Structures are given as C-alpha cells and as structure tokens.
Protein backbone atom coordinates (compact mmCIF):
# COMPACT_ATOMS: atom_id res chain seq x y z
CA MET A 1 -17.77 -25.93 -9.93
CA GLN A 2 -18.06 -22.65 -8.09
CA TYR A 3 -16.20 -22.01 -4.90
CA THR A 4 -17.06 -19.56 -2.16
CA SER A 5 -15.20 -17.56 0.79
CA HIS A 6 -16.05 -15.08 3.45
CA TYR A 7 -14.43 -11.75 4.24
CA HIS A 8 -15.00 -9.77 7.46
CA SER A 9 -15.27 -6.31 6.21
CA PRO A 10 -16.04 -3.07 8.56
CA LEU A 11 -19.34 -2.74 6.85
CA GLY A 12 -20.43 -6.38 7.48
CA PRO A 13 -19.83 -9.86 6.35
CA ILE A 14 -19.19 -10.31 2.48
CA LEU A 15 -19.40 -13.59 0.40
CA LEU A 16 -17.03 -14.02 -2.42
CA ALA A 17 -17.55 -16.48 -5.24
CA SER A 18 -15.13 -17.90 -7.83
CA ASP A 19 -15.17 -20.33 -10.95
CA GLY A 20 -11.48 -21.32 -9.75
CA ALA A 21 -9.64 -18.54 -11.39
CA HIS A 22 -11.72 -15.52 -11.52
CA LEU A 23 -13.91 -13.63 -8.95
CA THR A 24 -17.41 -13.95 -10.07
CA GLY A 25 -19.19 -12.53 -6.86
CA LEU A 26 -18.71 -10.20 -4.17
CA TRP A 27 -21.99 -9.58 -2.11
CA PHE A 28 -22.77 -8.00 1.29
CA GLU A 29 -24.62 -10.76 3.08
CA GLY A 30 -28.30 -10.19 3.05
CA GLN A 31 -28.09 -7.48 0.18
CA LYS A 32 -30.96 -7.35 -2.67
CA TYR A 33 -29.95 -10.30 -5.48
CA PHE A 34 -27.54 -11.79 -2.97
CA ALA A 35 -25.73 -14.63 -4.54
CA LEU A 36 -28.25 -14.41 -7.43
CA ARG A 37 -26.14 -16.63 -9.81
CA LEU A 38 -24.32 -18.84 -7.35
CA ASP A 39 -25.00 -22.56 -7.78
CA PRO A 40 -26.71 -24.27 -4.92
CA VAL A 41 -23.90 -26.97 -4.92
CA HIS A 42 -20.65 -25.05 -4.43
CA GLU A 43 -17.52 -25.53 -2.22
CA GLU A 44 -16.19 -23.33 0.60
CA LYS A 45 -12.56 -23.36 -0.26
CA GLU A 46 -9.62 -20.97 -0.18
CA LEU A 47 -8.13 -20.20 -3.62
CA ASP A 48 -5.45 -17.73 -4.90
CA VAL A 49 -8.25 -15.29 -6.26
CA PHE A 50 -9.99 -15.17 -2.97
CA SER A 51 -6.36 -14.16 -1.36
CA ALA A 52 -6.29 -11.64 -3.97
CA ALA A 53 -9.40 -10.08 -3.53
CA LYS A 54 -9.20 -9.89 0.40
CA ARG A 55 -5.80 -8.47 -0.21
CA TRP A 56 -7.77 -5.75 -2.49
CA LEU A 57 -10.44 -5.48 0.22
CA ASP A 58 -7.96 -4.99 3.20
CA VAL A 59 -6.13 -2.24 0.93
CA TYR A 60 -9.39 -0.52 -0.04
CA PHE A 61 -10.77 -0.79 3.50
CA SER A 62 -7.75 0.91 4.99
CA GLY A 63 -8.82 4.01 2.96
CA ARG A 64 -6.37 3.72 0.18
CA GLU A 65 -7.05 2.92 -3.67
CA PRO A 66 -5.79 -0.51 -4.51
CA ASP A 67 -2.78 -0.70 -7.09
CA PHE A 68 -3.48 -3.83 -8.19
CA SER A 69 -6.39 -5.78 -9.94
CA VAL A 70 -7.95 -9.11 -9.16
CA PRO A 71 -9.17 -11.32 -12.18
CA LEU A 72 -12.68 -10.77 -12.62
CA ARG A 73 -15.48 -12.85 -14.70
CA PHE A 74 -18.72 -11.29 -15.41
CA THR A 75 -21.71 -13.76 -15.71
CA GLY A 76 -24.59 -11.54 -16.57
CA THR A 77 -26.32 -10.77 -19.86
CA ASP A 78 -24.37 -9.40 -22.68
CA PHE A 79 -25.75 -5.58 -21.73
CA GLN A 80 -25.02 -6.20 -17.96
CA ASN A 81 -21.64 -7.08 -18.58
CA GLU A 82 -21.28 -4.09 -20.96
CA VAL A 83 -22.52 -1.81 -18.12
CA TRP A 84 -20.36 -3.43 -15.67
CA GLU A 85 -17.23 -3.14 -17.73
CA ILE A 86 -18.06 0.78 -17.93
CA LEU A 87 -18.39 0.86 -13.85
CA CYS A 88 -14.93 -0.43 -13.69
CA THR A 89 -13.61 2.65 -15.49
CA ILE A 90 -15.22 5.19 -12.83
CA PRO A 91 -12.15 6.61 -11.00
CA TYR A 92 -11.59 5.95 -7.12
CA GLY A 93 -13.22 8.81 -5.34
CA ARG A 94 -15.41 10.16 -8.22
CA THR A 95 -19.08 9.48 -9.39
CA THR A 96 -21.09 9.37 -12.63
CA THR A 97 -24.84 9.22 -13.13
CA TYR A 98 -26.91 6.65 -14.72
CA GLY A 99 -27.67 8.95 -17.76
CA ALA A 100 -24.00 9.48 -18.40
CA ILE A 101 -23.46 5.69 -18.49
CA ALA A 102 -26.51 5.27 -21.11
CA ARG A 103 -25.15 8.02 -23.44
CA GLN A 104 -21.83 6.11 -23.11
CA LEU A 105 -23.41 2.87 -23.96
CA ALA A 106 -25.69 4.41 -26.85
CA ALA A 107 -22.50 6.02 -28.34
CA GLN A 108 -20.41 2.84 -28.44
CA ASN A 109 -23.39 0.82 -29.76
CA GLY A 110 -24.04 3.70 -32.52
CA ARG A 111 -27.44 4.14 -31.10
CA ALA A 112 -29.46 7.50 -30.74
CA HIS A 113 -30.72 6.63 -27.25
CA MET A 114 -30.10 4.17 -24.37
CA SER A 115 -32.35 3.96 -21.45
CA ALA A 116 -31.22 5.34 -18.11
CA GLN A 117 -33.45 2.93 -16.18
CA ALA A 118 -32.06 -0.13 -17.94
CA VAL A 119 -28.66 1.07 -17.16
CA GLY A 120 -30.18 1.42 -13.48
CA SER A 121 -31.24 -2.26 -13.38
CA ALA A 122 -27.83 -3.49 -14.68
CA VAL A 123 -26.12 -1.65 -12.20
CA GLY A 124 -28.39 -2.62 -9.44
CA HIS A 125 -27.52 -6.30 -10.48
CA ASN A 126 -23.80 -6.05 -10.46
CA GLU A 127 -22.46 -9.15 -8.98
CA ILE A 128 -19.16 -8.07 -7.90
CA SER A 129 -19.73 -5.09 -5.45
CA ILE A 130 -16.96 -2.88 -4.61
CA LEU A 131 -14.36 -4.14 -7.03
CA VAL A 132 -16.80 -3.30 -9.80
CA PRO A 133 -17.82 0.19 -8.16
CA CYS A 134 -21.53 0.31 -8.74
CA HIS A 135 -21.61 2.54 -5.50
CA ARG A 136 -20.12 5.39 -7.49
CA VAL A 137 -23.14 5.98 -9.81
CA VAL A 138 -25.74 8.39 -8.66
CA GLY A 139 -28.73 9.94 -9.82
CA ALA A 140 -28.61 13.06 -12.13
CA ASN A 141 -30.04 15.28 -9.47
CA GLY A 142 -27.62 14.13 -6.65
CA SER A 143 -29.50 11.41 -5.10
CA LEU A 144 -27.84 8.65 -3.69
CA THR A 145 -30.09 5.71 -4.95
CA GLY A 146 -29.59 2.31 -6.73
CA TYR A 147 -27.09 0.44 -4.39
CA ALA A 148 -28.23 -3.29 -3.43
CA GLY A 149 -26.13 -3.23 -0.65
CA GLY A 150 -28.10 -0.34 0.87
CA ILE A 151 -27.85 3.46 0.95
CA ASP A 152 -25.96 3.27 4.20
CA LYS A 153 -23.18 1.20 2.67
CA LYS A 154 -22.89 3.34 -0.55
CA VAL A 155 -22.60 6.29 1.65
CA GLN A 156 -19.80 4.91 3.86
CA LEU A 157 -18.04 3.65 0.67
CA LEU A 158 -17.85 6.94 -1.04
CA THR A 159 -17.12 8.75 2.17
CA LEU A 160 -13.92 5.96 2.45
CA GLU A 161 -12.78 6.85 -0.83
CA LYS A 162 -12.99 10.57 0.15
CA THR A 163 -15.66 11.73 -2.73
CA ASP A 164 -17.04 14.97 -2.31
CA MET A 165 -20.32 14.47 -0.93
CA SER A 166 -21.87 18.06 -1.03
CA GLY A 167 -24.00 17.79 -4.11
CA PHE A 168 -25.76 14.50 -2.86
CA PHE A 169 -28.74 13.49 -0.81
CA ILE A 170 -30.63 10.40 0.50
CA PRO A 171 -33.96 10.14 -1.25
CA LYS A 172 -36.86 9.98 1.31
CA LYS A 173 -38.62 7.29 -0.65
CA GLY A 174 -37.88 4.94 -3.39
CA THR A 175 -36.92 1.38 -4.37
CA ALA A 176 -33.14 1.68 -3.12
CA LEU A 177 -34.13 2.32 0.07
C-alpha cells in the first residue's frame, strides 16, 4: 500500500508519498512526471516518515541545511537509482554537471564512457525532489536546465542554498523550460 500527505512549501504545494516506512516520492504539484509511480489506489495518512520529511522541509525552507536524514526508498530502474544515489552526495549549496555524474558512473561501472543525456533523463525523473537534490545539477556551460519542477523553482532552491549563481544562465529555449 502507498500513502500520501501534503506539504505547503513557500514554492507551492508538495505531494509526499511513502510505502509506510520510507519516503518514495516528493513532487511539486503539477510538475513534469508528477506522481509517475504512485499507485492509483493509495491512502492519505499521516505517518512518522511524513512528519520527518515535513520537519526536514521546514528546516530547509528556513534557509538552513537539515542536519538529519529521512528514510528514502528509490523506485526507479537500477540506472535511475544509481544516478539518484549520486545526487544525494552533492553538497548543500554546491552544484555539479550531468557530464560529471556520467563520468563518475562510468568509473564506478568500469566503463570508458557514459551518456550525459542518459544521466539527464534519470535526473529529470527523480521521484524525491529536494531531498534528492536534482536541482543542484546544471549544464556544463552553466545552463540552468533540466528541472521537472520548473526552472523558476530550480533558481529559487539554489538561491535559498546561497549557491553562487554568477556563472549560471537560464536557457532561452529547450525542453526544461
């Protein structure tokens, strides 16, 4: 059984999902791939994991880095889960690129090359926004692209983390706009 709860963030309503013990989803309402793997039959219920996630979000949206974790369970493909694990290692207030993640994955798997585009697809399908910080991934040229919640939210999240935004720009066209 899957469970859901709602959180009202400064950036808009958020839907949380859980398997009962772990957070399995966190989406801005209306974002791309919204609740993609959420069972059509689920129950709205307050759980300990939702309380922990909401506390984490309260700390985060107050402009501080949370000093505790929330139990997570990834529900993607093996490749997606591997990418999402790497996302969890990006430090608060810092960024990395799709290419850097691709190189890290290639090295971990003993491969000569990994596609940055495949990494981008996995990042874009991240099911646990914010806690799994896909907003911290940018294009190699500084483009703020690829956030399913929208570029405006990506900018606001990075700004909240006091990320140095001087080398970044919003693309004029593209699939992430």
